[in-house]
C-alpha atoms as a PDB file:
ATOM      1  CA  UNK A   1       0.000   0.000   0.000  1.00  0.00           C
ATOM      2  CA  UNK A   2       1.262   3.458  -0.885  1.00  0.00           C
ATOM      3  CA  UNK A   3       1.529   6.189   1.767  1.00  0.00           C
ATOM      4  CA  UNK A   4       2.227   9.905   1.469  1.00  0.00           C
ATOM      5  CA  UNK A   5       5.542   9.433   3.297  1.00  0.00           C
ATOM      6  CA  UNK A   6       6.788   6.877   0.717  1.00  0.00           C
ATOM      7  CA  UNK A   7       8.282   7.726  -2.684  1.00  0.00           C
ATOM      8  CA  UNK A   8       5.959   5.545  -4.791  1.00  0.00           C
ATOM      9  CA  UNK A   9       6.666   6.122  -8.486  1.00  0.00           C
ATOM     10  CA  UNK A  10       3.747   3.841  -9.499  1.00  0.00           C
ATOM     11  CA  UNK A  11       1.075   6.293  -8.314  1.00  0.00           C
ATOM     12  CA  UNK A  12      -0.796   7.757 -11.290  1.00  0.00           C
ATOM     13  CA  UNK A  13      -1.006  11.536 -11.400  1.00  0.00           C
ATOM     14  CA  UNK A  14      -4.311  13.357 -10.897  1.00  0.00           C
ATOM     15  CA  UNK A  15      -3.409  17.007 -10.253  1.00  0.00           C
ATOM     16  CA  UNK A  16      -6.011  19.134  -8.492  1.00  0.00           C
ATOM     17  CA  UNK A  17      -6.202  22.760  -7.398  1.00  0.00           C
ATOM     18  CA  UNK A  18      -7.615  23.513  -3.969  1.00  0.00           C
ATOM     19  CA  UNK A  19      -8.374  26.824  -2.277  1.00  0.00           C
ATOM     20  CA  UNK A  20      -7.685  27.769   1.326  1.00  0.00           C
ATOM     21  CA  UNK A  21      -8.089  30.918   3.411  1.00  0.00           C
ATOM     22  CA  UNK A  22      -6.212  31.954   6.543  1.00  0.00           C
ATOM     23  CA  UNK A  23      -6.575  35.334   8.274  1.00  0.00           C
ATOM     24  CA  UNK A  24      -8.491  36.641   5.258  1.00  0.00           C
ATOM     25  CA  UNK A  25      -5.700  35.664   2.858  1.00  0.00           C
ATOM     26  CA  UNK A  26      -6.747  33.415  -0.025  1.00  0.00           C
ATOM     27  CA  UNK A  27      -4.327  30.807  -1.330  1.00  0.00           C
ATOM     28  CA  UNK A  28      -4.375  28.095  -3.966  1.00  0.00           C
ATOM     29  CA  UNK A  29      -2.498  24.802  -3.775  1.00  0.00           C
ATOM     30  CA  UNK A  30      -1.803  22.236  -6.457  1.00  0.00           C
ATOM     31  CA  UNK A  31      -2.052  18.666  -5.149  1.00  0.00           C
ATOM     32  CA  UNK A  32      -1.738  15.195  -6.630  1.00  0.00           C
ATOM     33  CA  UNK A  33      -2.147  11.519  -5.878  1.00  0.00           C
ATOM     34  CA  UNK A  34       0.536  10.321  -3.476  1.00  0.00           C
ATOM     35  CA  UNK A  35       0.261  13.466  -1.335  1.00  0.00           C
ATOM     36  CA  UNK A  36      -1.507  13.740   2.022  1.00  0.00           C
ATOM     37  CA  UNK A  37      -5.025  15.203   1.865  1.00  0.00           C
ATOM     38  CA  UNK A  38      -5.074  16.056  -1.832  1.00  0.00           C
ATOM     39  CA  UNK A  39      -8.758  17.042  -1.897  1.00  0.00           C
ATOM     40  CA  UNK A  40      -8.519  19.846   0.697  1.00  0.00           C
ATOM     41  CA  UNK A  41      -6.358  21.131   3.539  1.00  0.00           C
ATOM     42  CA  UNK A  42      -7.039  18.402   6.068  1.00  0.00           C
ATOM     43  CA  UNK A  43      -9.031  19.053   9.218  1.00  0.00           C
ATOM     44  CA  UNK A  44      -6.095  18.621  11.626  1.00  0.00           C
ATOM     45  CA  UNK A  45      -3.753  20.875   9.636  1.00  0.00           C
ATOM     46  CA  UNK A  46      -6.472  23.541   9.493  1.00  0.00           C
ATOM     47  CA  UNK A  47      -6.927  23.388  13.285  1.00  0.00           C
ATOM     48  CA  UNK A  48      -3.151  23.481  13.829  1.00  0.00           C
ATOM     49  CA  UNK A  49      -2.654  26.512  11.561  1.00  0.00           C
ATOM     50  CA  UNK A  50      -5.494  28.441  13.195  1.00  0.00           C
ATOM     51  CA  UNK A  51      -4.424  27.603  16.774  1.00  0.00           C
ATOM     52  CA  UNK A  52      -0.861  28.898  16.398  1.00  0.00           C
ATOM     53  CA  UNK A  53       0.229  32.199  17.912  1.00  0.00           C
ATOM     54  CA  UNK A  54       2.031  34.812  15.829  1.00  0.00           C
ATOM     55  CA  UNK A  55       5.327  33.270  14.750  1.00  0.00           C
ATOM     56  CA  UNK A  56       8.577  35.126  14.079  1.00  0.00           C
ATOM     57  CA  UNK A  57      12.119  34.238  13.079  1.00  0.00           C
ATOM     58  CA  UNK A  58      13.217  30.930  11.582  1.00  0.00           C
ATOM     59  CA  UNK A  59      10.307  28.500  11.210  1.00  0.00           C
ATOM     60  CA  UNK A  60      10.469  24.865  10.083  1.00  0.00           C
ATOM     61  CA  UNK A  61       7.464  23.145   8.511  1.00  0.00           C
ATOM     62  CA  UNK A  62       8.401  19.523   9.257  1.00  0.00           C
ATOM     63  CA  UNK A  63       6.748  17.005   6.937  1.00  0.00           C
ATOM     64  CA  UNK A  64       5.429  19.828   4.778  1.00  0.00           C
ATOM     65  CA  UNK A  65       3.532  17.783   2.191  1.00  0.00           C
ATOM     66  CA  UNK A  66       2.426  20.126  -0.603  1.00  0.00           C
ATOM     67  CA  UNK A  67       2.950  23.088   1.760  1.00  0.00           C
ATOM     68  CA  UNK A  68      -0.337  24.355   3.231  1.00  0.00           C
ATOM     69  CA  UNK A  69       0.964  24.871   6.779  1.00  0.00           C
ATOM     70  CA  UNK A  70       4.228  26.639   5.971  1.00  0.00           C
ATOM     71  CA  UNK A  71       2.824  28.705   3.132  1.00  0.00           C
ATOM     72  CA  UNK A  72      -0.152  29.853   5.232  1.00  0.00           C
ATOM     73  CA  UNK A  73       2.175  30.919   8.038  1.00  0.00           C
ATOM     74  CA  UNK A  74       4.532  32.717   5.645  1.00  0.00           C
ATOM     75  CA  UNK A  75       1.609  34.597   4.077  1.00  0.00           C
ATOM     76  CA  UNK A  76       0.398  35.780   7.496  1.00  0.00           C
ATOM     77  CA  UNK A  77       3.630  36.296   9.471  1.00  0.00           C
ATOM     78  CA  UNK A  78       7.126  37.704   8.951  1.00  0.00           C
ATOM     79  CA  UNK A  79       9.071  34.432   9.064  1.00  0.00           C
ATOM     80  CA  UNK A  80      12.127  32.840   7.473  1.00  0.00           C
ATOM     81  CA  UNK A  81      10.563  29.565   6.272  1.00  0.00           C
ATOM     82  CA  UNK A  82      12.171  26.167   5.766  1.00  0.00           C
ATOM     83  CA  UNK A  83      10.077  23.225   4.547  1.00  0.00           C
ATOM     84  CA  UNK A  84      11.124  19.561   4.548  1.00  0.00           C
ATOM     85  CA  UNK A  85       9.529  16.286   3.555  1.00  0.00           C
ATOM     86  CA  UNK A  86      10.711  12.729   2.879  1.00  0.00           C
ATOM     87  CA  UNK A  87       8.550  12.474  -0.260  1.00  0.00           C
ATOM     88  CA  UNK A  88      10.113  13.940  -3.477  1.00  0.00           C
ATOM     89  CA  UNK A  89       6.631  14.631  -4.905  1.00  0.00           C
ATOM     90  CA  UNK A  90       5.786  16.688  -1.794  1.00  0.00           C
ATOM     91  CA  UNK A  91       8.948  18.733  -2.330  1.00  0.00           C
ATOM     92  CA  UNK A  92       8.058  19.268  -5.997  1.00  0.00           C
ATOM     93  CA  UNK A  93       4.548  20.485  -5.129  1.00  0.00           C
ATOM     94  CA  UNK A  94       5.766  22.632  -2.221  1.00  0.00           C
ATOM     95  CA  UNK A  95       8.014  24.458  -4.668  1.00  0.00           C
ATOM     96  CA  UNK A  96       5.139  24.881  -7.146  1.00  0.00           C
ATOM     97  CA  UNK A  97       2.838  26.160  -4.392  1.00  0.00           C
ATOM     98  CA  UNK A  98       5.385  28.538  -2.879  1.00  0.00           C
ATOM     99  CA  UNK A  99       5.921  30.106  -6.302  1.00  0.00           C
ATOM    100  CA  UNK A 100       2.169  30.304  -7.008  1.00  0.00           C
ATOM    101  CA  UNK A 101       1.534  32.017  -3.653  1.00  0.00           C
ATOM    102  CA  UNK A 102       4.534  34.361  -3.777  1.00  0.00           C
ATOM    103  CA  UNK A 103       6.446  32.725  -0.906  1.00  0.00           C
ATOM    104  CA  UNK A 104      10.200  32.323  -0.597  1.00  0.00           C
ATOM    105  CA  UNK A 105      11.321  29.279   1.376  1.00  0.00           C
ATOM    106  CA  UNK A 106      14.183  26.817   1.663  1.00  0.00           C
ATOM    107  CA  UNK A 107      12.577  23.531   0.564  1.00  0.00           C
ATOM    108  CA  UNK A 108      14.565  20.369   1.171  1.00  0.00           C
ATOM    109  CA  UNK A 109      14.124  16.653   0.626  1.00  0.00           C
ATOM    110  CA  UNK A 110      14.909  15.225   4.051  1.00  0.00           C
ATOM    111  CA  UNK A 111      13.963  12.234   6.165  1.00  0.00           C
ATOM    112  CA  UNK A 112      13.036  14.237   9.243  1.00  0.00           C
ATOM    113  CA  UNK A 113      15.978  16.411  10.263  1.00  0.00           C
ATOM    114  CA  UNK A 114      18.731  14.441   8.468  1.00  0.00           C
ATOM    115  CA  UNK A 115      19.508  17.071   5.793  1.00  0.00           C
ATOM    116  CA  UNK A 116      18.990  20.122   8.019  1.00  0.00           C
ATOM    117  CA  UNK A 117      21.655  22.428   9.360  1.00  0.00           C
ATOM    118  CA  UNK A 118      21.105  25.204  11.870  1.00  0.00           C
ATOM    119  CA  UNK A 119      18.349  25.729  14.410  1.00  0.00           C
ATOM    120  CA  UNK A 120      14.869  27.212  14.466  1.00  0.00           C
ATOM    121  CA  UNK A 121      12.714  29.517  16.561  1.00  0.00           C
ATOM    122  CA  UNK A 122       9.632  27.405  15.830  1.00  0.00           C
ATOM    123  CA  UNK A 123       8.973  23.955  14.384  1.00  0.00           C
ATOM    124  CA  UNK A 124       5.467  22.974  13.259  1.00  0.00           C
ATOM    125  CA  UNK A 125       4.318  19.383  12.692  1.00  0.00           C
ATOM    126  CA  UNK A 126       1.147  17.517  11.843  1.00  0.00           C
ATOM    127  CA  UNK A 127       2.670  14.093  12.643  1.00  0.00           C
ATOM    128  CA  UNK A 128       2.578  11.299  10.034  1.00  0.00           C
ATOM    129  CA  UNK A 129       0.624   8.963  12.338  1.00  0.00           C
ATOM    130  CA  UNK A 130       0.826   5.966   9.985  1.00  0.00           C
ATOM    131  CA  UNK A 131       4.636   6.087  10.010  1.00  0.00           C
ATOM    132  CA  UNK A 132       4.513   4.654  13.549  1.00  0.00           C
ATOM    133  CA  UNK A 133       5.495   5.744  17.047  1.00  0.00           C
ATOM    134  CA  UNK A 134       9.209   5.070  16.600  1.00  0.00           C
ATOM    135  CA  UNK A 135       9.403   7.515  13.667  1.00  0.00           C
ATOM    136  CA  UNK A 136       7.185  10.133  15.312  1.00  0.00           C
ATOM    137  CA  UNK A 137       8.921   9.976  18.696  1.00  0.00           C
ATOM    138  CA  UNK A 138      12.254  10.375  16.884  1.00  0.00           C
ATOM    139  CA  UNK A 139      10.859  13.539  15.291  1.00  0.00           C
ATOM    140  CA  UNK A 140       9.884  14.876  18.730  1.00  0.00           C
ATOM    141  CA  UNK A 141      13.378  14.205  20.120  1.00  0.00           C
ATOM    142  CA  UNK A 142      15.071  15.779  17.107  1.00  0.00           C
ATOM    143  CA  UNK A 143      12.742  18.794  17.250  1.00  0.00           C
ATOM    144  CA  UNK A 144      14.136  19.605  20.698  1.00  0.00           C
ATOM    145  CA  UNK A 145      17.716  19.409  19.374  1.00  0.00           C
ATOM    146  CA  UNK A 146      16.938  21.720  16.452  1.00  0.00           C
ATOM    147  CA  UNK A 147      15.162  24.432  18.475  1.00  0.00           C
ATOM    148  CA  UNK A 148      16.870  27.611  19.574  1.00  0.00           C
ATOM    149  CA  UNK A 149      16.795  28.233  23.345  1.00  0.00           C
ATOM    150  CA  UNK A 150      13.328  29.621  24.101  1.00  0.00           C
ATOM    151  CA  UNK A 151      11.986  28.151  20.843  1.00  0.00           C
ATOM    152  CA  UNK A 152       8.730  26.211  20.513  1.00  0.00           C
ATOM    153  CA  UNK A 153       7.672  22.983  18.831  1.00  0.00           C
ATOM    154  CA  UNK A 154       4.005  22.974  17.798  1.00  0.00           C
ATOM    155  CA  UNK A 155       2.050  19.845  16.950  1.00  0.00           C
ATOM    156  CA  UNK A 156      -1.441  18.455  16.747  1.00  0.00           C
ATOM    157  CA  UNK A 157      -2.477  15.066  18.087  1.00  0.00           C
ATOM    158  CA  UNK A 158      -5.791  13.285  18.490  1.00  0.00           C
ATOM    159  CA  UNK A 159      -6.849  11.197  21.462  1.00  0.00           C
ATOM    160  CA  UNK A 160      -7.516   8.254  19.140  1.00  0.00           C
ATOM    161  CA  UNK A 161      -3.951   8.543  17.778  1.00  0.00           C
ATOM    162  CA  UNK A 162      -2.250   8.377  21.160  1.00  0.00           C
ATOM    163  CA  UNK A 163      -2.505  11.849  22.691  1.00  0.00           C
ATOM    164  CA  UNK A 164      -1.963  10.434  26.196  1.00  0.00           C
ATOM    165  CA  UNK A 165       1.264   8.590  25.361  1.00  0.00           C
ATOM    166  CA  UNK A 166       2.396  11.502  23.166  1.00  0.00           C
ATOM    167  CA  UNK A 167       2.048  13.892  26.125  1.00  0.00           C
ATOM    168  CA  UNK A 168       3.972  11.463  28.330  1.00  0.00           C
ATOM    169  CA  UNK A 169       6.772  11.262  25.745  1.00  0.00           C
ATOM    170  CA  UNK A 170       6.905  15.024  25.166  1.00  0.00           C
ATOM    171  CA  UNK A 171       7.069  15.591  28.920  1.00  0.00           C
ATOM    172  CA  UNK A 172      10.371  13.652  29.001  1.00  0.00           C
ATOM    173  CA  UNK A 173      11.859  15.891  26.284  1.00  0.00           C
ATOM    174  CA  UNK A 174      10.637  19.475  26.688  1.00  0.00           C
ATOM    175  CA  UNK A 175      10.908  21.969  29.540  1.00  0.00           C
ATOM    176  CA  UNK A 176       7.283  23.126  29.398  1.00  0.00           C
ATOM    177  CA  UNK A 177       4.171  22.089  27.468  1.00  0.00           C
ATOM    178  CA  UNK A 178       1.063  24.221  26.952  1.00  0.00           C
ATOM    179  CA  UNK A 179      -2.220  23.153  25.385  1.00  0.00           C
ATOM    180  CA  UNK A 180      -3.244  25.789  22.810  1.00  0.00           C
ATOM    181  CA  UNK A 181      -6.379  23.955  21.643  1.00  0.00           C
ATOM    182  CA  UNK A 182      -8.412  21.106  23.116  1.00  0.00           C
ATOM    183  CA  UNK A 183     -11.725  20.051  21.640  1.00  0.00           C
ATOM    184  CA  UNK A 184     -13.373  16.737  20.728  1.00  0.00           C
ATOM    185  CA  UNK A 185     -10.236  14.721  21.486  1.00  0.00           C
ATOM    186  CA  UNK A 186      -7.932  16.969  19.445  1.00  0.00           C
ATOM    187  CA  UNK A 187      -4.993  18.764  21.048  1.00  0.00           C
ATOM    188  CA  UNK A 188      -2.662  21.451  19.697  1.00  0.00           C
ATOM    189  CA  UNK A 189       0.440  21.583  21.872  1.00  0.00           C
ATOM    190  CA  UNK A 190       3.253  24.081  22.294  1.00  0.00           C
ATOM    191  CA  UNK A 191       6.397  22.412  23.609  1.00  0.00           C
ATOM    192  CA  UNK A 192       9.016  24.893  24.794  1.00  0.00           C
ATOM    193  CA  UNK A 193      12.773  24.496  25.038  1.00  0.00           C
END
């Protein structure tokens, strides 16, 4: 079975254009088969974007997919954006979507943090749940290492996807954790270094 975090060259293309609005700013995104949530900006990403405080400085969109989180943040806030994903098609479409929406960003093919250098003021993640706990927990640990002192790691997690164990794990890594959003078993967390 093909997943959005796998480079599957056998997936047939079916390019779509979707529309999204954040803080009164309209954006369009090209999507395709083999990318996460190709029909619309997914529910969790939408909640995550809208729950975030104003971001500044160097921001990493970890597991960027076709770019809706990072691009939305760059349209609304004065940030220096870096976007990474393990899927080459996601990188291709992030570049297309940044150009279409007038956003400059460093966009890198990277398995998590492997190809990254430097540190960030904020890291934002909608975790790839189907990649498994070992992968996701590794991302949490690496996020701490790649944050500047005083920086924050933002993520969304659902109760049905292990919010309780995620909170327990994050509590062993980060200095302080705040819940920015909690509704119907969905949590947006800010984890501070």
